[in-house]
Amino acid sequence: MNHAALKSETQDIAVDEVFPHQPETIWKALTTGELIGRWMMAPTGFEPVEGNRFTFKTKPAGAWDGTIYCEVLEVVPNERFAYAWKGGHEANVGYGSRLDTVVTFTLSRVQDGTRLRLVHSGFVLPKNDTAFQNMSDGWPKVFRNLRVAAGERH
């Protein structure tokens, strides 16, 4: 039996852009619940504190109620922010299948502002193909929204 055929492959999404804002401005947009709601989805119970658990709510599908369960994993002010991103249901195939991933934002000061790198890691293929494709298309749009939100006066 070929064990390699049984092994699931994981895939990551990476988005890397330079924002014309200081790291402190981008950090505030990434770690303030009200601002997160402007560029992504409104979180419930969010605090940028390691170990804090919070949720996002999106479109339900099949046996999944649309809740995304998150836990803050790492907080390094103005440099790095990571959280677990879990959702879906084992009974679902395609949209809403079980998902157990990590979202990591890394900020670095550059001449023209801040380089922001997002890595959304841990997509198990082929099980998470739909989520991987949707979020591969979605994260660049989220970055455009973040660029607008970061430019607003807070």
N, C-alpha and C. Protein backbone atom coordinates (compact mmCIF):
# COMPACT_ATOMS: atom_id res chain seq x y z
N MET A 1 0.84 -1.18 0.00
CA MET A 1 0.00 0.00 0.00
C MET A 1 0.89 1.24 0.00
N ASN A 2 0.52 2.24 -0.75
CA ASN A 2 1.27 3.48 -0.84
C ASN A 2 0.78 4.45 0.24
N HIS A 3 1.56 4.61 1.31
CA HIS A 3 1.16 5.49 2.41
C HIS A 3 1.17 6.95 2.01
N ALA A 4 1.99 7.31 1.04
CA ALA A 4 2.03 8.70 0.58
C ALA A 4 0.68 9.12 0.03
N ALA A 5 -0.04 8.20 -0.57
CA ALA A 5 -1.35 8.52 -1.13
C ALA A 5 -2.37 8.81 -0.04
N LEU A 6 -2.14 8.30 1.17
CA LEU A 6 -3.07 8.52 2.27
C LEU A 6 -2.78 9.81 3.02
N LYS A 7 -1.58 10.33 2.85
CA LYS A 7 -1.18 11.53 3.58
C LYS A 7 -1.87 12.76 2.99
N SER A 8 -2.46 13.58 3.85
CA SER A 8 -3.09 14.81 3.39
C SER A 8 -2.02 15.87 3.17
N GLU A 9 -2.22 16.66 2.15
CA GLU A 9 -1.31 17.76 1.86
C GLU A 9 -1.92 19.03 2.46
N THR A 10 -1.08 19.86 3.10
CA THR A 10 -1.59 21.14 3.59
C THR A 10 -1.08 22.25 2.69
N GLN A 11 -1.86 23.29 2.62
CA GLN A 11 -1.55 24.42 1.75
C GLN A 11 -1.74 25.70 2.54
N ASP A 12 -0.96 26.72 2.22
CA ASP A 12 -1.06 28.02 2.86
C ASP A 12 -1.44 29.08 1.83
N ILE A 13 -2.08 30.13 2.33
CA ILE A 13 -2.35 31.32 1.52
C ILE A 13 -1.42 32.41 2.05
N ALA A 14 -0.76 33.12 1.15
CA ALA A 14 0.10 34.23 1.56
C ALA A 14 -0.26 35.46 0.75
N VAL A 15 -0.39 36.59 1.44
CA VAL A 15 -0.62 37.88 0.81
C VAL A 15 0.40 38.83 1.42
N ASP A 16 1.09 39.58 0.57
CA ASP A 16 2.16 40.45 1.04
C ASP A 16 2.00 41.79 0.33
N GLU A 17 1.78 42.87 1.10
CA GLU A 17 1.59 44.19 0.50
C GLU A 17 2.23 45.25 1.36
N VAL A 18 2.58 46.36 0.72
CA VAL A 18 3.08 47.53 1.45
C VAL A 18 1.93 48.53 1.57
N PHE A 19 1.68 48.96 2.81
CA PHE A 19 0.65 49.95 3.10
C PHE A 19 1.33 51.29 3.38
N PRO A 20 0.72 52.40 2.94
CA PRO A 20 1.34 53.71 3.15
C PRO A 20 1.03 54.27 4.55
N HIS A 21 1.15 53.43 5.55
CA HIS A 21 0.85 53.80 6.93
C HIS A 21 1.95 53.25 7.83
N GLN A 22 2.12 53.87 8.98
CA GLN A 22 3.09 53.39 9.96
C GLN A 22 2.60 52.07 10.56
N PRO A 23 3.53 51.23 11.05
CA PRO A 23 3.12 49.95 11.66
C PRO A 23 2.08 50.13 12.77
N GLU A 24 2.18 51.19 13.56
CA GLU A 24 1.24 51.42 14.66
C GLU A 24 -0.19 51.58 14.14
N THR A 25 -0.35 52.20 12.98
CA THR A 25 -1.67 52.39 12.39
C THR A 25 -2.24 51.06 11.90
N ILE A 26 -1.41 50.27 11.23
CA ILE A 26 -1.85 48.96 10.75
C ILE A 26 -2.16 48.06 11.94
N TRP A 27 -1.30 48.10 12.95
CA TRP A 27 -1.50 47.29 14.16
C TRP A 27 -2.86 47.60 14.78
N LYS A 28 -3.18 48.87 14.90
CA LYS A 28 -4.47 49.27 15.50
C LYS A 28 -5.63 48.69 14.69
N ALA A 29 -5.54 48.75 13.37
CA ALA A 29 -6.60 48.21 12.51
C ALA A 29 -6.72 46.68 12.65
N LEU A 30 -5.58 46.01 12.89
CA LEU A 30 -5.58 44.54 13.03
C LEU A 30 -6.08 44.07 14.40
N THR A 31 -5.97 44.94 15.41
CA THR A 31 -6.18 44.48 16.79
C THR A 31 -7.27 45.25 17.55
N THR A 32 -8.11 45.98 16.85
CA THR A 32 -9.23 46.68 17.46
C THR A 32 -10.51 46.10 16.89
N GLY A 33 -11.33 45.51 17.75
CA GLY A 33 -12.54 44.81 17.31
C GLY A 33 -13.41 45.62 16.36
N GLU A 34 -13.68 46.87 16.71
CA GLU A 34 -14.54 47.71 15.86
C GLU A 34 -13.93 47.90 14.48
N LEU A 35 -12.60 48.09 14.42
CA LEU A 35 -11.94 48.29 13.14
C LEU A 35 -11.90 46.99 12.33
N ILE A 36 -11.69 45.86 12.98
CA ILE A 36 -11.71 44.57 12.27
C ILE A 36 -13.04 44.40 11.55
N GLY A 37 -14.12 44.82 12.21
CA GLY A 37 -15.45 44.74 11.61
C GLY A 37 -15.59 45.57 10.35
N ARG A 38 -14.76 46.59 10.20
CA ARG A 38 -14.82 47.45 9.00
C ARG A 38 -14.12 46.82 7.81
N TRP A 39 -13.09 46.00 8.05
CA TRP A 39 -12.35 45.47 6.91
C TRP A 39 -12.51 43.96 6.69
N MET A 40 -13.08 43.26 7.70
CA MET A 40 -13.27 41.82 7.52
C MET A 40 -14.68 41.43 7.96
N MET A 41 -14.82 40.96 9.19
CA MET A 41 -16.11 40.63 9.79
C MET A 41 -16.04 41.12 11.23
N ALA A 42 -17.19 41.46 11.78
CA ALA A 42 -17.21 41.91 13.17
C ALA A 42 -16.97 40.72 14.10
N PRO A 43 -15.93 40.81 14.94
CA PRO A 43 -15.68 39.72 15.89
C PRO A 43 -16.55 39.87 17.14
N THR A 44 -16.83 38.76 17.80
CA THR A 44 -17.54 38.76 19.07
C THR A 44 -16.57 38.27 20.13
N GLY A 45 -16.39 39.08 21.20
CA GLY A 45 -15.52 38.68 22.30
C GLY A 45 -14.05 38.89 22.04
N PHE A 46 -13.70 39.73 21.06
CA PHE A 46 -12.31 39.90 20.68
C PHE A 46 -11.54 40.78 21.66
N GLU A 47 -10.35 40.36 22.00
CA GLU A 47 -9.33 41.16 22.68
C GLU A 47 -7.98 40.66 22.18
N PRO A 48 -7.04 41.56 21.89
CA PRO A 48 -5.73 41.13 21.38
C PRO A 48 -4.82 40.66 22.52
N VAL A 49 -5.24 39.58 23.18
CA VAL A 49 -4.53 39.03 24.33
C VAL A 49 -4.34 37.54 24.08
N GLU A 50 -3.10 37.05 24.23
CA GLU A 50 -2.86 35.62 24.01
C GLU A 50 -3.79 34.78 24.87
N GLY A 51 -4.39 33.78 24.24
CA GLY A 51 -5.33 32.89 24.92
C GLY A 51 -6.78 33.33 24.82
N ASN A 52 -7.03 34.59 24.41
CA ASN A 52 -8.41 35.07 24.27
C ASN A 52 -9.11 34.33 23.14
N ARG A 53 -10.33 33.89 23.41
CA ARG A 53 -11.15 33.22 22.40
C ARG A 53 -12.23 34.17 21.92
N PHE A 54 -12.44 34.16 20.60
CA PHE A 54 -13.47 35.02 20.01
C PHE A 54 -14.05 34.31 18.79
N THR A 55 -15.11 34.86 18.24
CA THR A 55 -15.75 34.24 17.08
C THR A 55 -16.03 35.28 16.00
N PHE A 56 -16.15 34.76 14.78
CA PHE A 56 -16.70 35.50 13.65
C PHE A 56 -17.92 34.70 13.21
N LYS A 57 -18.85 35.36 12.54
CA LYS A 57 -20.03 34.67 12.02
C LYS A 57 -20.10 34.94 10.52
N THR A 58 -20.27 33.87 9.75
CA THR A 58 -20.39 33.99 8.30
C THR A 58 -21.57 33.15 7.83
N LYS A 59 -21.69 32.98 6.53
CA LYS A 59 -22.83 32.27 5.95
C LYS A 59 -22.82 30.79 6.34
N PRO A 60 -23.89 30.32 7.00
CA PRO A 60 -23.98 28.89 7.37
C PRO A 60 -24.09 28.00 6.12
N ALA A 61 -23.76 26.74 6.32
CA ALA A 61 -23.89 25.76 5.23
C ALA A 61 -24.08 24.38 5.82
N GLY A 62 -25.11 23.69 5.37
CA GLY A 62 -25.34 22.32 5.81
C GLY A 62 -25.37 22.22 7.33
N ALA A 63 -24.55 21.33 7.88
CA ALA A 63 -24.51 21.10 9.32
C ALA A 63 -23.71 22.18 10.07
N TRP A 64 -23.07 23.10 9.35
CA TRP A 64 -22.27 24.16 9.97
C TRP A 64 -23.10 25.41 10.15
N ASP A 65 -23.06 25.99 11.35
CA ASP A 65 -23.85 27.19 11.65
C ASP A 65 -23.20 28.50 11.22
N GLY A 66 -22.01 28.44 10.61
CA GLY A 66 -21.34 29.64 10.13
C GLY A 66 -20.42 30.30 11.15
N THR A 67 -20.26 29.68 12.33
CA THR A 67 -19.39 30.25 13.35
C THR A 67 -17.94 29.85 13.12
N ILE A 68 -17.05 30.84 13.16
CA ILE A 68 -15.61 30.61 13.07
C ILE A 68 -15.06 30.84 14.47
N TYR A 69 -14.43 29.82 15.03
CA TYR A 69 -13.88 29.89 16.39
C TYR A 69 -12.40 30.25 16.30
N CYS A 70 -12.03 31.30 17.04
CA CYS A 70 -10.65 31.78 16.99
C CYS A 70 -10.07 31.85 18.40
N GLU A 71 -8.77 31.72 18.47
CA GLU A 71 -8.04 31.92 19.72
C GLU A 71 -6.75 32.66 19.39
N VAL A 72 -6.50 33.75 20.12
CA VAL A 72 -5.28 34.52 19.91
C VAL A 72 -4.09 33.68 20.35
N LEU A 73 -3.14 33.47 19.45
CA LEU A 73 -1.98 32.63 19.71
C LEU A 73 -0.72 33.44 20.00
N GLU A 74 -0.58 34.61 19.38
CA GLU A 74 0.63 35.39 19.53
C GLU A 74 0.32 36.87 19.34
N VAL A 75 0.88 37.70 20.25
CA VAL A 75 0.73 39.15 20.16
C VAL A 75 2.10 39.78 20.42
N VAL A 76 2.69 40.35 19.37
CA VAL A 76 3.93 41.11 19.50
C VAL A 76 3.60 42.48 18.91
N PRO A 77 3.28 43.47 19.76
CA PRO A 77 2.79 44.76 19.27
C PRO A 77 3.62 45.34 18.12
N ASN A 78 2.87 45.76 17.09
CA ASN A 78 3.41 46.39 15.89
C ASN A 78 4.31 45.48 15.06
N GLU A 79 4.35 44.17 15.38
CA GLU A 79 5.20 43.24 14.64
C GLU A 79 4.50 41.97 14.18
N ARG A 80 3.77 41.30 15.07
CA ARG A 80 3.22 39.99 14.73
C ARG A 80 1.95 39.72 15.53
N PHE A 81 0.93 39.19 14.83
CA PHE A 81 -0.35 38.88 15.45
C PHE A 81 -0.86 37.59 14.81
N ALA A 82 -1.16 36.58 15.62
CA ALA A 82 -1.61 35.29 15.07
C ALA A 82 -2.78 34.76 15.87
N TYR A 83 -3.70 34.10 15.17
CA TYR A 83 -4.81 33.44 15.84
C TYR A 83 -5.26 32.19 15.09
N ALA A 84 -5.78 31.25 15.87
CA ALA A 84 -6.38 30.04 15.30
C ALA A 84 -7.68 30.42 14.62
N TRP A 85 -8.03 29.72 13.55
CA TRP A 85 -9.25 29.97 12.77
C TRP A 85 -9.86 28.60 12.49
N LYS A 86 -10.91 28.25 13.22
CA LYS A 86 -11.51 26.93 13.10
C LYS A 86 -13.00 27.06 12.83
N GLY A 87 -13.50 26.18 11.97
CA GLY A 87 -14.93 26.23 11.66
C GLY A 87 -15.33 25.00 10.87
N GLY A 88 -16.52 25.08 10.34
CA GLY A 88 -17.02 23.99 9.52
C GLY A 88 -17.55 22.82 10.32
N HIS A 89 -17.91 21.78 9.61
CA HIS A 89 -18.48 20.58 10.22
C HIS A 89 -18.05 19.37 9.41
N GLU A 90 -17.76 18.28 10.12
CA GLU A 90 -17.30 17.04 9.45
C GLU A 90 -18.29 16.52 8.41
N ALA A 91 -19.59 16.79 8.62
CA ALA A 91 -20.61 16.28 7.70
C ALA A 91 -20.64 17.04 6.37
N ASN A 92 -20.02 18.20 6.33
CA ASN A 92 -20.06 19.02 5.11
C ASN A 92 -18.94 18.64 4.15
N VAL A 93 -19.26 18.74 2.88
CA VAL A 93 -18.27 18.59 1.81
C VAL A 93 -18.28 19.92 1.08
N GLY A 94 -17.11 20.42 0.70
CA GLY A 94 -17.06 21.72 0.03
C GLY A 94 -17.17 22.83 1.05
N TYR A 95 -18.00 23.83 0.73
CA TYR A 95 -18.16 24.97 1.63
C TYR A 95 -18.67 24.48 2.98
N GLY A 96 -18.00 24.92 4.04
CA GLY A 96 -18.43 24.53 5.39
C GLY A 96 -17.83 23.23 5.89
N SER A 97 -16.85 22.66 5.15
CA SER A 97 -16.18 21.45 5.65
C SER A 97 -15.30 21.84 6.84
N ARG A 98 -14.94 20.87 7.67
CA ARG A 98 -14.13 21.12 8.87
C ARG A 98 -12.83 21.83 8.49
N LEU A 99 -12.52 22.90 9.21
CA LEU A 99 -11.34 23.71 8.94
C LEU A 99 -10.61 23.99 10.24
N ASP A 100 -9.30 23.78 10.27
CA ASP A 100 -8.48 24.01 11.46
C ASP A 100 -7.19 24.67 10.98
N THR A 101 -7.17 26.02 10.98
CA THR A 101 -6.08 26.77 10.36
C THR A 101 -5.56 27.84 11.32
N VAL A 102 -4.52 28.55 10.88
CA VAL A 102 -3.94 29.64 11.66
C VAL A 102 -3.74 30.84 10.73
N VAL A 103 -4.12 32.03 11.22
CA VAL A 103 -3.92 33.28 10.50
C VAL A 103 -2.80 34.04 11.21
N THR A 104 -1.76 34.42 10.47
CA THR A 104 -0.63 35.15 11.04
C THR A 104 -0.38 36.41 10.22
N PHE A 105 -0.35 37.55 10.91
CA PHE A 105 0.01 38.83 10.30
C PHE A 105 1.40 39.21 10.80
N THR A 106 2.30 39.56 9.88
CA THR A 106 3.62 40.03 10.23
C THR A 106 3.80 41.42 9.64
N LEU A 107 4.17 42.38 10.49
CA LEU A 107 4.35 43.76 10.08
C LEU A 107 5.83 44.10 10.11
N SER A 108 6.31 44.82 9.11
CA SER A 108 7.68 45.32 9.15
C SER A 108 7.71 46.72 8.55
N ARG A 109 8.43 47.60 9.23
CA ARG A 109 8.55 48.98 8.78
C ARG A 109 9.40 49.01 7.51
N VAL A 110 8.92 49.73 6.50
CA VAL A 110 9.68 49.93 5.27
C VAL A 110 9.67 51.42 4.96
N GLN A 111 10.44 51.81 3.98
CA GLN A 111 10.60 53.24 3.67
C GLN A 111 9.25 53.92 3.41
N ASP A 112 8.37 53.27 2.70
CA ASP A 112 7.10 53.89 2.31
C ASP A 112 5.95 53.57 3.25
N GLY A 113 6.22 52.94 4.40
CA GLY A 113 5.13 52.63 5.33
C GLY A 113 5.35 51.31 6.03
N THR A 114 4.45 50.36 5.78
CA THR A 114 4.50 49.06 6.46
C THR A 114 4.26 47.93 5.48
N ARG A 115 5.16 46.96 5.50
CA ARG A 115 4.92 45.73 4.75
C ARG A 115 4.10 44.82 5.66
N LEU A 116 2.96 44.39 5.16
CA LEU A 116 2.09 43.48 5.90
C LEU A 116 2.04 42.16 5.15
N ARG A 117 2.43 41.11 5.84
CA ARG A 117 2.37 39.76 5.25
C ARG A 117 1.38 38.94 6.05
N LEU A 118 0.43 38.37 5.34
CA LEU A 118 -0.54 37.46 5.93
C LEU A 118 -0.21 36.07 5.46
N VAL A 119 -0.19 35.11 6.38
CA VAL A 119 -0.12 33.70 6.01
C VAL A 119 -1.28 33.02 6.72
N HIS A 120 -2.18 32.46 5.92
CA HIS A 120 -3.29 31.67 6.47
C HIS A 120 -2.92 30.22 6.17
N SER A 121 -2.50 29.50 7.21
CA SER A 121 -1.89 28.19 7.02
C SER A 121 -2.75 27.04 7.52
N GLY A 122 -2.47 25.86 6.96
CA GLY A 122 -3.07 24.64 7.46
C GLY A 122 -4.27 24.11 6.70
N PHE A 123 -4.51 24.56 5.49
CA PHE A 123 -5.61 24.03 4.69
C PHE A 123 -5.27 22.61 4.27
N VAL A 124 -6.10 21.66 4.62
CA VAL A 124 -5.88 20.25 4.28
C VAL A 124 -6.57 19.99 2.94
N LEU A 125 -5.75 19.66 1.94
CA LEU A 125 -6.30 19.38 0.61
C LEU A 125 -6.35 17.88 0.39
N PRO A 126 -7.38 17.36 -0.22
CA PRO A 126 -8.43 18.07 -0.94
C PRO A 126 -9.63 18.48 -0.07
N LYS A 127 -9.68 18.06 1.19
CA LYS A 127 -10.86 18.33 2.04
C LYS A 127 -11.23 19.81 2.08
N ASN A 128 -10.23 20.69 2.18
CA ASN A 128 -10.49 22.13 2.32
C ASN A 128 -10.34 22.90 1.01
N ASP A 129 -10.46 22.20 -0.14
CA ASP A 129 -10.30 22.87 -1.44
C ASP A 129 -11.19 24.10 -1.58
N THR A 130 -12.46 23.99 -1.21
CA THR A 130 -13.40 25.10 -1.38
C THR A 130 -12.99 26.29 -0.52
N ALA A 131 -12.69 26.05 0.75
CA ALA A 131 -12.26 27.13 1.65
C ALA A 131 -10.95 27.75 1.14
N PHE A 132 -10.02 26.90 0.72
CA PHE A 132 -8.74 27.40 0.22
C PHE A 132 -8.95 28.31 -0.98
N GLN A 133 -9.79 27.89 -1.93
CA GLN A 133 -10.02 28.70 -3.13
C GLN A 133 -10.75 30.00 -2.77
N ASN A 134 -11.80 29.90 -1.94
CA ASN A 134 -12.56 31.10 -1.56
C ASN A 134 -11.69 32.10 -0.81
N MET A 135 -10.87 31.61 0.11
CA MET A 135 -10.04 32.53 0.90
C MET A 135 -8.83 33.02 0.11
N SER A 136 -8.35 32.23 -0.84
CA SER A 136 -7.27 32.71 -1.73
C SER A 136 -7.76 33.92 -2.52
N ASP A 137 -9.01 33.89 -2.94
CA ASP A 137 -9.62 35.02 -3.64
C ASP A 137 -10.01 36.12 -2.66
N GLY A 138 -10.41 35.74 -1.45
CA GLY A 138 -10.95 36.70 -0.48
C GLY A 138 -9.93 37.55 0.24
N TRP A 139 -8.80 36.97 0.65
CA TRP A 139 -7.83 37.74 1.43
C TRP A 139 -7.31 38.98 0.70
N PRO A 140 -7.01 38.94 -0.61
CA PRO A 140 -6.60 40.20 -1.28
C PRO A 140 -7.69 41.27 -1.22
N LYS A 141 -8.97 40.87 -1.28
CA LYS A 141 -10.07 41.83 -1.14
C LYS A 141 -10.10 42.40 0.27
N VAL A 142 -9.86 41.54 1.26
CA VAL A 142 -9.81 41.98 2.66
C VAL A 142 -8.68 43.00 2.83
N PHE A 143 -7.55 42.77 2.18
CA PHE A 143 -6.43 43.73 2.26
C PHE A 143 -6.83 45.08 1.68
N ARG A 144 -7.61 45.09 0.59
CA ARG A 144 -8.08 46.36 0.02
C ARG A 144 -8.96 47.08 1.04
N ASN A 145 -9.84 46.33 1.71
CA ASN A 145 -10.70 46.93 2.74
C ASN A 145 -9.86 47.45 3.91
N LEU A 146 -8.83 46.69 4.28
CA LEU A 146 -7.95 47.10 5.38
C LEU A 146 -7.22 48.39 5.02
N ARG A 147 -6.80 48.51 3.77
CA ARG A 147 -6.11 49.72 3.32
C ARG A 147 -7.03 50.95 3.52
N VAL A 148 -8.31 50.81 3.18
CA VAL A 148 -9.27 51.90 3.36
C VAL A 148 -9.48 52.19 4.84
N ALA A 149 -9.71 51.13 5.64
CA ALA A 149 -9.95 51.30 7.07
C ALA A 149 -8.75 51.93 7.78
N ALA A 150 -7.54 51.55 7.39
CA ALA A 150 -6.34 52.11 8.02
C ALA A 150 -6.18 53.58 7.71
N GLY A 151 -6.70 54.01 6.55
CA GLY A 151 -6.59 55.41 6.15
C GLY A 151 -7.62 56.32 6.80
N GLU A 152 -8.65 55.75 7.44
CA GLU A 152 -9.69 56.55 8.10
C GLU A 152 -9.15 57.09 9.42
N ARG A 153 -9.68 58.23 9.82
CA ARG A 153 -9.31 58.79 11.14
C ARG A 153 -10.07 58.04 12.21
N HIS A 154 -9.36 57.62 13.27
CA HIS A 154 -9.99 56.84 14.34
C HIS A 154 -9.99 57.65 15.62
